[in-house]
Each structure stands twice: as C-alpha cells, then as structure tokens.
PDB file of N, CA and C in Angstrom:
ATOM      1  N   MET A   1      12.221 -43.618 -17.505  1.00  0.00           N
ATOM      2  CA  MET A   1      12.440 -42.267 -16.780  1.00  0.00           C
ATOM      3  C   MET A   1      13.173 -41.590 -17.789  1.00  0.00           C
ATOM      4  N   ALA A   2      13.422 -41.859 -18.690  1.00  0.00           N
ATOM      5  CA  ALA A   2      14.500 -41.100 -19.691  1.00  0.00           C
ATOM      6  C   ALA A   2      13.521 -40.419 -20.554  1.00  0.00           C
ATOM      7  N   ASP A   3      12.445 -41.056 -20.608  1.00  0.00           N
ATOM      8  CA  ASP A   3      11.434 -40.709 -21.839  1.00  0.00           C
ATOM      9  C   ASP A   3      10.519 -39.545 -21.482  1.00  0.00           C
ATOM     10  N   GLU A   4      10.414 -39.291 -19.878  1.00  0.00           N
ATOM     11  CA  GLU A   4       9.638 -38.325 -19.129  1.00  0.00           C
ATOM     12  C   GLU A   4       9.854 -36.876 -19.747  1.00  0.00           C
ATOM     13  N   LYS A   5       8.960 -36.297 -19.618  1.00  0.00           N
ATOM     14  CA  LYS A   5       8.894 -34.403 -20.115  1.00  0.00           C
ATOM     15  C   LYS A   5       9.560 -33.938 -18.899  1.00  0.00           C
ATOM     16  N   LYS A   6      10.204 -32.906 -19.206  1.00  0.00           N
ATOM     17  CA  LYS A   6      10.717 -32.044 -18.062  1.00  0.00           C
ATOM     18  C   LYS A   6       9.131 -31.258 -18.024  1.00  0.00           C
ATOM     19  N   THR A   7       8.962 -31.180 -16.772  1.00  0.00           N
ATOM     20  CA  THR A   7       8.170 -29.880 -16.448  1.00  0.00           C
ATOM     21  C   THR A   7       8.215 -28.828 -15.882  1.00  0.00           C
ATOM     22  N   ASN A   8       7.626 -27.759 -16.341  1.00  0.00           N
ATOM     23  CA  ASN A   8       8.244 -26.309 -16.234  1.00  0.00           C
ATOM     24  C   ASN A   8       7.865 -25.915 -14.595  1.00  0.00           C
ATOM     25  N   LYS A   9       8.715 -25.096 -14.172  1.00  0.00           N
ATOM     26  CA  LYS A   9       8.177 -24.492 -12.753  1.00  0.00           C
ATOM     27  C   LYS A   9       6.898 -23.910 -12.484  1.00  0.00           C
ATOM     28  N   PRO A  10       6.028 -24.356 -11.618  1.00  0.00           N
ATOM     29  CA  PRO A  10       4.562 -23.412 -11.534  1.00  0.00           C
ATOM     30  C   PRO A  10       5.343 -22.078 -11.678  1.00  0.00           C
ATOM     31  N   ALA A  11       4.271 -21.139 -12.316  1.00  0.00           N
ATOM     32  CA  ALA A  11       4.132 -19.734 -12.109  1.00  0.00           C
ATOM     33  C   ALA A  11       4.871 -18.820 -10.946  1.00  0.00           C
ATOM     34  N   LYS A  12       4.555 -19.451 -10.073  1.00  0.00           N
ATOM     35  CA  LYS A  12       4.470 -19.030  -8.215  1.00  0.00           C
ATOM     36  C   LYS A  12       6.462 -18.984  -8.359  1.00  0.00           C
ATOM     37  N   ASP A  13       6.797 -20.111  -8.421  1.00  0.00           N
ATOM     38  CA  ASP A  13       8.213 -20.205  -8.418  1.00  0.00           C
ATOM     39  C   ASP A  13       9.094 -19.229  -9.483  1.00  0.00           C
ATOM     40  N   ARG A  14       8.611 -19.242 -10.576  1.00  0.00           N
ATOM     41  CA  ARG A  14       9.303 -18.012 -11.326  1.00  0.00           C
ATOM     42  C   ARG A  14       9.381 -16.902 -11.049  1.00  0.00           C
ATOM     43  N   TRP A  15       8.361 -16.384 -10.423  1.00  0.00           N
ATOM     44  CA  TRP A  15       8.007 -15.149 -10.180  1.00  0.00           C
ATOM     45  C   TRP A  15       9.229 -14.808  -9.022  1.00  0.00           C
ATOM     46  N   LEU A  16       9.483 -15.808  -7.939  1.00  0.00           N
ATOM     47  CA  LEU A  16      10.601 -15.779  -6.911  1.00  0.00           C
ATOM     48  C   LEU A  16      11.488 -15.657  -7.423  1.00  0.00           C
ATOM     49  N   THR A  17      12.198 -15.434  -8.655  1.00  0.00           N
ATOM     50  CA  THR A  17      13.530 -15.522  -8.506  1.00  0.00           C
ATOM     51  C   THR A  17      14.089 -14.125  -9.272  1.00  0.00           C
ATOM     52  N   ILE A  18      15.086 -13.619  -9.168  1.00  0.00           N
ATOM     53  CA  ILE A  18      15.556 -12.502  -9.153  1.00  0.00           C
ATOM     54  C   ILE A  18      14.777 -12.088 -10.624  1.00  0.00           C
ATOM     55  N   ASP A  19      14.969 -13.196 -11.731  1.00  0.00           N
ATOM     56  CA  ASP A  19      14.645 -12.798 -13.005  1.00  0.00           C
ATOM     57  C   ASP A  19      13.309 -12.710 -13.137  1.00  0.00           C
ATOM     58  N   GLY A  20      12.463 -13.462 -12.505  1.00  0.00           N
ATOM     59  CA  GLY A  20      11.344 -12.849 -12.557  1.00  0.00           C
ATOM     60  C   GLY A  20      10.723 -11.922 -12.015  1.00  0.00           C
ATOM     61  N   VAL A  21      11.602 -11.239 -11.162  1.00  0.00           N
ATOM     62  CA  VAL A  21      10.855 -10.196 -10.134  1.00  0.00           C
ATOM     63  C   VAL A  21      11.694  -8.922 -11.370  1.00  0.00           C
ATOM     64  N   ARG A  22      12.880  -8.982 -12.113  1.00  0.00           N
ATOM     65  CA  ARG A  22      12.791  -7.882 -13.039  1.00  0.00           C
ATOM     66  C   ARG A  22      11.832  -8.013 -14.256  1.00  0.00           C
ATOM     67  N   LYS A  23      11.592  -9.042 -14.646  1.00  0.00           N
ATOM     68  CA  LYS A  23      10.673  -9.156 -15.837  1.00  0.00           C
ATOM     69  C   LYS A  23       9.400  -8.375 -15.269  1.00  0.00           C
ATOM     70  N   GLU A  24       9.021  -8.933 -14.015  1.00  0.00           N
ATOM     71  CA  GLU A  24       7.518  -8.163 -13.476  1.00  0.00           C
ATOM     72  C   GLU A  24       7.949  -6.561 -13.588  1.00  0.00           C
ATOM     73  N   ALA A  25       8.817  -6.139 -12.956  1.00  0.00           N
ATOM     74  CA  ALA A  25       8.871  -4.811 -12.760  1.00  0.00           C
ATOM     75  C   ALA A  25       9.280  -4.357 -14.259  1.00  0.00           C
ATOM     76  N   LYS A  26       9.625  -4.553 -15.255  1.00  0.00           N
ATOM     77  CA  LYS A  26       9.602  -4.120 -16.506  1.00  0.00           C
ATOM     78  C   LYS A  26       8.204  -3.941 -17.011  1.00  0.00           C
ATOM     79  N   ARG A  27       7.027  -5.114 -16.651  1.00  0.00           N
ATOM     80  CA  ARG A  27       5.760  -4.727 -17.239  1.00  0.00           C
ATOM     81  C   ARG A  27       5.268  -3.820 -16.681  1.00  0.00           C
ATOM     82  N   VAL A  28       5.403  -3.384 -15.268  1.00  0.00           N
ATOM     83  CA  VAL A  28       4.599  -2.245 -14.551  1.00  0.00           C
ATOM     84  C   VAL A  28       4.611  -1.330 -15.383  1.00  0.00           C
ATOM     85  N   ARG A  29       3.202  -0.530 -15.385  1.00  0.00           N
ATOM     86  CA  ARG A  29       3.241   0.536 -16.258  1.00  0.00           C
ATOM     87  C   ARG A  29       3.130   1.896 -14.823  1.00  0.00           C
ATOM     88  N   TRP A  30       4.406   2.438 -14.857  1.00  0.00           N
ATOM     89  CA  TRP A  30       4.806   2.997 -13.860  1.00  0.00           C
ATOM     90  C   TRP A  30       4.026   4.508 -13.906  1.00  0.00           C
ATOM     91  N   PRO A  31       3.463   5.250 -12.854  1.00  0.00           N
ATOM     92  CA  PRO A  31       3.075   6.591 -13.377  1.00  0.00           C
ATOM     93  C   PRO A  31       3.889   7.372 -13.436  1.00  0.00           C
ATOM     94  N   LYS A  32       3.482   8.292 -14.156  1.00  0.00           N
ATOM     95  CA  LYS A  32       4.304   9.775 -14.399  1.00  0.00           C
ATOM     96  C   LYS A  32       3.951  10.544 -13.487  1.00  0.00           C
ATOM     97  N   TRP A  33       5.240  11.590 -13.385  1.00  0.00           N
ATOM     98  CA  TRP A  33       4.850  12.811 -12.250  1.00  0.00           C
ATOM     99  C   TRP A  33       4.179  14.025 -12.144  1.00  0.00           C
ATOM    100  N   LYS A  34       3.918  13.991 -13.415  1.00  0.00           N
ATOM    101  CA  LYS A  34       2.537  15.255 -13.425  1.00  0.00           C
ATOM    102  C   LYS A  34       1.843  14.303 -13.871  1.00  0.00           C
ATOM    103  N   THR A  35       0.253  15.434 -13.889  1.00  0.00           N
ATOM    104  CA  THR A  35      -0.973  14.854 -14.695  1.00  0.00           C
ATOM    105  C   THR A  35      -0.570  14.873 -15.966  1.00  0.00           C
ATOM    106  N   GLU A  36      -1.367  13.624 -16.870  1.00  0.00           N
ATOM    107  CA  GLU A  36      -1.241  13.363 -17.981  1.00  0.00           C
ATOM    108  C   GLU A  36      -2.591  13.386 -18.594  1.00  0.00           C
ATOM    109  N   GLY A  37      -3.248  14.406 -19.273  1.00  0.00           N
ATOM    110  CA  GLY A  37      -4.695  13.877 -19.901  1.00  0.00           C
ATOM    111  C   GLY A  37      -5.722  13.573 -18.783  1.00  0.00           C
ATOM    112  N   ASN A  38      -6.068  12.304 -18.770  1.00  0.00           N
ATOM    113  CA  ASN A  38      -7.129  12.201 -18.128  1.00  0.00           C
ATOM    114  C   ASN A  38      -6.553  11.318 -16.634  1.00  0.00           C
ATOM    115  N   THR A  39      -5.082  10.856 -16.647  1.00  0.00           N
ATOM    116  CA  THR A  39      -4.771  10.094 -15.170  1.00  0.00           C
ATOM    117  C   THR A  39      -3.641  11.209 -14.404  1.00  0.00           C
ATOM    118  N   PRO A  40      -4.130  11.383 -12.987  1.00  0.00           N
ATOM    119  CA  PRO A  40      -3.290  12.415 -12.128  1.00  0.00           C
ATOM    120  C   PRO A  40      -2.101  11.487 -12.273  1.00  0.00           C
ATOM    121  N   GLY A  41      -1.004  12.247 -11.863  1.00  0.00           N
ATOM    122  CA  GLY A  41       0.060  11.913 -11.776  1.00  0.00           C
ATOM    123  C   GLY A  41       0.333  11.212 -10.319  1.00  0.00           C
ATOM    124  N   ILE A  42       1.808  11.405  -9.707  1.00  0.00           N
ATOM    125  CA  ILE A  42       2.384  10.999  -8.512  1.00  0.00           C
ATOM    126  C   ILE A  42       2.075  11.971  -7.634  1.00  0.00           C
ATOM    127  N   ALA A  43       2.524  13.041  -8.171  1.00  0.00           N
ATOM    128  CA  ALA A  43       2.077  14.729  -7.227  1.00  0.00           C
ATOM    129  C   ALA A  43       0.676  14.876  -6.582  1.00  0.00           C
ATOM    130  N   ALA A  44      -0.080  14.519  -7.758  1.00  0.00           N
ATOM    131  CA  ALA A  44      -1.436  14.665  -7.219  1.00  0.00           C
ATOM    132  C   ALA A  44      -2.212  13.843  -6.303  1.00  0.00           C
ATOM    133  N   ASN A  45      -1.332  12.340  -6.779  1.00  0.00           N
ATOM    134  CA  ASN A  45      -1.731  11.268  -5.705  1.00  0.00           C
ATOM    135  C   ASN A  45      -1.428  11.455  -4.353  1.00  0.00           C
ATOM    136  N   THR A  46       0.299  11.888  -4.623  1.00  0.00           N
ATOM    137  CA  THR A  46       0.820  12.191  -2.865  1.00  0.00           C
ATOM    138  C   THR A  46       0.025  12.876  -2.217  1.00  0.00           C
ATOM    139  N   GLY A  47      -0.806  13.988  -2.750  1.00  0.00           N
ATOM    140  CA  GLY A  47      -1.068  15.114  -1.703  1.00  0.00           C
ATOM    141  C   GLY A  47      -2.541  14.789  -1.543  1.00  0.00           C
ATOM    142  N   GLU A  48      -3.447  13.751  -2.555  1.00  0.00           N
ATOM    143  CA  GLU A  48      -4.564  13.262  -1.666  1.00  0.00           C
ATOM    144  C   GLU A  48      -4.177  12.185  -0.629  1.00  0.00           C
ATOM    145  N   VAL A  49      -3.491  11.503  -0.558  1.00  0.00           N
ATOM    146  CA  VAL A  49      -3.064  10.809   0.424  1.00  0.00           C
ATOM    147  C   VAL A  49      -2.548  11.409   1.562  1.00  0.00           C
ATOM    148  N   LEU A  50      -1.912  12.478   1.787  1.00  0.00           N
ATOM    149  CA  LEU A  50      -1.209  13.079   2.542  1.00  0.00           C
ATOM    150  C   LEU A  50      -2.521  13.940   3.458  1.00  0.00           C
ATOM    151  N   ILE A  51      -3.074  14.027   2.712  1.00  0.00           N
ATOM    152  CA  ILE A  51      -4.412  14.877   3.029  1.00  0.00           C
ATOM    153  C   ILE A  51      -5.613  13.832   4.009  1.00  0.00           C
ATOM    154  N   PHE A  52      -5.809  12.717   3.240  1.00  0.00           N
ATOM    155  CA  PHE A  52      -6.635  11.865   3.547  1.00  0.00           C
ATOM    156  C   PHE A  52      -6.116  11.200   4.864  1.00  0.00           C
ATOM    157  N   SER A  53      -4.724  11.180   5.129  1.00  0.00           N
ATOM    158  CA  SER A  53      -3.539  10.376   6.411  1.00  0.00           C
ATOM    159  C   SER A  53      -3.884  11.505   7.227  1.00  0.00           C
ATOM    160  N   GLY A  54      -4.148  12.835   7.071  1.00  0.00           N
ATOM    161  CA  GLY A  54      -4.019  14.042   7.821  1.00  0.00           C
ATOM    162  C   GLY A  54      -5.536  13.934   8.715  1.00  0.00           C
ATOM    163  N   PHE A  55      -6.466  13.746   8.105  1.00  0.00           N
ATOM    164  CA  PHE A  55      -8.055  13.735   8.718  1.00  0.00           C
ATOM    165  C   PHE A  55      -8.293  12.295   9.383  1.00  0.00           C
ATOM    166  N   PHE A  56      -7.536  11.449   9.079  1.00  0.00           N
ATOM    167  CA  PHE A  56      -7.590  10.048   9.797  1.00  0.00           C
ATOM    168  C   PHE A  56      -6.674  10.383  11.175  1.00  0.00           C
ATOM    169  N   CYS A  57      -5.473  10.890  10.995  1.00  0.00           N
ATOM    170  CA  CYS A  57      -4.668  11.357  12.145  1.00  0.00           C
ATOM    171  C   CYS A  57      -5.697  11.962  13.263  1.00  0.00           C
ATOM    172  N   ALA A  58      -6.193  13.016  12.834  1.00  0.00           N
ATOM    173  CA  ALA A  58      -7.113  14.249  13.530  1.00  0.00           C
ATOM    174  C   ALA A  58      -8.118  13.209  14.176  1.00  0.00           C
ATOM    175  N   PHE A  59      -8.777  12.319  13.399  1.00  0.00           N
ATOM    176  CA  PHE A  59     -10.248  11.609  13.667  1.00  0.00           C
ATOM    177  C   PHE A  59      -9.217  10.764  15.050  1.00  0.00           C
ATOM    178  N   PHE A  60      -8.255  10.236  15.132  1.00  0.00           N
ATOM    179  CA  PHE A  60      -7.992   8.924  15.878  1.00  0.00           C
ATOM    180  C   PHE A  60      -7.438  10.106  17.092  1.00  0.00           C
ATOM    181  N   VAL A  61      -6.712  11.244  16.778  1.00  0.00           N
ATOM    182  CA  VAL A  61      -6.492  11.723  17.915  1.00  0.00           C
ATOM    183  C   VAL A  61      -7.684  12.345  18.745  1.00  0.00           C
ATOM    184  N   LEU A  62      -8.757  12.880  18.284  1.00  0.00           N
ATOM    185  CA  LEU A  62     -10.168  13.066  18.815  1.00  0.00           C
ATOM    186  C   LEU A  62     -10.607  11.992  19.501  1.00  0.00           C
ATOM    187  N   CYS A  63     -10.263  10.514  18.641  1.00  0.00           N
ATOM    188  CA  CYS A  63     -11.403   9.942  19.384  1.00  0.00           C
ATOM    189  C   CYS A  63     -10.552   9.091  20.691  1.00  0.00           C
ATOM    190  N   ASP A  64      -9.036   9.464  20.881  1.00  0.00           N
ATOM    191  CA  ASP A  64      -8.130   9.014  22.096  1.00  0.00           C
ATOM    192  C   ASP A  64      -8.490  10.158  22.850  1.00  0.00           C
ATOM    193  N   PHE A  65      -8.728  11.320  22.672  1.00  0.00           N
ATOM    194  CA  PHE A  65      -8.966  12.146  23.730  1.00  0.00           C
ATOM    195  C   PHE A  65     -10.424  12.006  24.626  1.00  0.00           C
ATOM    196  N   ILE A  66     -11.399  11.766  23.634  1.00  0.00           N
ATOM    197  CA  ILE A  66     -12.706  11.817  24.039  1.00  0.00           C
ATOM    198  C   ILE A  66     -12.779  10.190  25.262  1.00  0.00           C
ATOM    199  N   VAL A  67     -12.182   9.192  24.574  1.00  0.00           N
ATOM    200  CA  VAL A  67     -12.138   7.999  25.455  1.00  0.00           C
ATOM    201  C   VAL A  67     -11.412   8.476  26.690  1.00  0.00           C
ATOM    202  N   THR A  68     -10.242   9.295  26.617  1.00  0.00           N
ATOM    203  CA  THR A  68      -8.987   9.669  28.070  1.00  0.00           C
ATOM    204  C   THR A  68      -9.969  10.276  28.739  1.00  0.00           C
ATOM    205  N   PHE A  69     -10.903  11.417  28.144  1.00  0.00           N
ATOM    206  CA  PHE A  69     -11.898  12.158  29.221  1.00  0.00           C
ATOM    207  C   PHE A  69     -13.208  11.638  29.978  1.00  0.00           C
ATOM    208  N   LEU A  70     -13.398  10.695  28.824  1.00  0.00           N
ATOM    209  CA  LEU A  70     -14.574   9.726  29.499  1.00  0.00           C
ATOM    210  C   LEU A  70     -14.229   8.928  30.825  1.00  0.00           C
ATOM    211  N   LEU A  71     -12.704   8.333  30.548  1.00  0.00           N
ATOM    212  CA  LEU A  71     -12.475   7.666  31.382  1.00  0.00           C
ATOM    213  C   LEU A  71     -12.155   8.103  33.127  1.00  0.00           C
ATOM    214  N   ARG A  72     -11.635   9.095  32.904  1.00  0.00           N
ATOM    215  CA  ARG A  72     -10.971  10.131  34.038  1.00  0.00           C
ATOM    216  C   ARG A  72     -12.557  10.700  34.686  1.00  0.00           C
ATOM    217  N   PHE A  73     -13.507  11.048  33.547  1.00  0.00           N
ATOM    218  CA  PHE A  73     -14.759  11.426  34.183  1.00  0.00           C
ATOM    219  C   PHE A  73     -15.437  10.477  35.023  1.00  0.00           C
ATOM    220  N   ILE A  74     -15.231   9.085  34.944  1.00  0.00           N
ATOM    221  CA  ILE A  74     -15.659   7.979  35.787  1.00  0.00           C
ATOM    222  C   ILE A  74     -14.569   7.362  36.695  1.00  0.00           C
ATOM    223  N   GLY A  75     -13.750   8.174  36.757  1.00  0.00           N
ATOM    224  CA  GLY A  75     -12.786   7.628  37.689  1.00  0.00           C
ATOM    225  C   GLY A  75     -11.844   6.609  37.710  1.00  0.00           C
ATOM    226  N   ILE A  76     -11.660   5.827  36.258  1.00  0.00           N
ATOM    227  CA  ILE A  76     -10.892   4.821  35.916  1.00  0.00           C
ATOM    228  C   ILE A  76      -9.507   5.488  35.565  1.00  0.00           C
ATOM    229  N   GLY A  77      -9.509   6.760  34.970  1.00  0.00           N
ATOM    230  CA  GLY A  77      -7.950   6.812  34.026  1.00  0.00           C
ATOM    231  C   GLY A  77      -6.896   7.440  35.364  1.00  0.00           C
ATOM    232  N   ALA A  78      -5.746   7.751  35.160  1.00  0.00           N
ATOM    233  CA  ALA A  78      -5.005   8.220  36.002  1.00  0.00           C
ATOM    234  C   ALA A  78      -5.173  10.023  35.857  1.00  0.00           C
TER     235      ALA A  78
END
C-alpha cells in the first residue's frame, strides 16, 4: 500500500476550491469599459442588453393585455 501513487484530485474538485476560483478569475479575459478596435466594450453591450430587455418587456406586457382582453370578452376574466 505504501507503493501506491497518490492520485490527483479531479479537475472539478480543484476548481471548487477558493484557490481554484482565484486561478480561474485571473485567467478570464475581462472586457474593457469602452470600445477598443473591433470589440465592443461594456458600455455598448449594456446598452444593447437594456434595449433588448425593453422590447421583451413591452412584448410580454402586450401579450398579457391581449390575453386579459380575450378572457374578459368571452366572460372568463374578472
């Protein structure tokens, strides 16, 4: 038994430690705030996300109004 080699932890277990998380955070290529060259920055991406979210919000509110109107029209809604 003393001759057995120690096995390393699987990659998943190493990643779930504080040191593993720190190493992964250092490897991440964090985006810049402003647009540089060919890549959009955080400010441009934030604007796109807000516009996209606004359109989806309006779409679902409109769908809710239509369904409510139809249910009231046929006498099911309050």
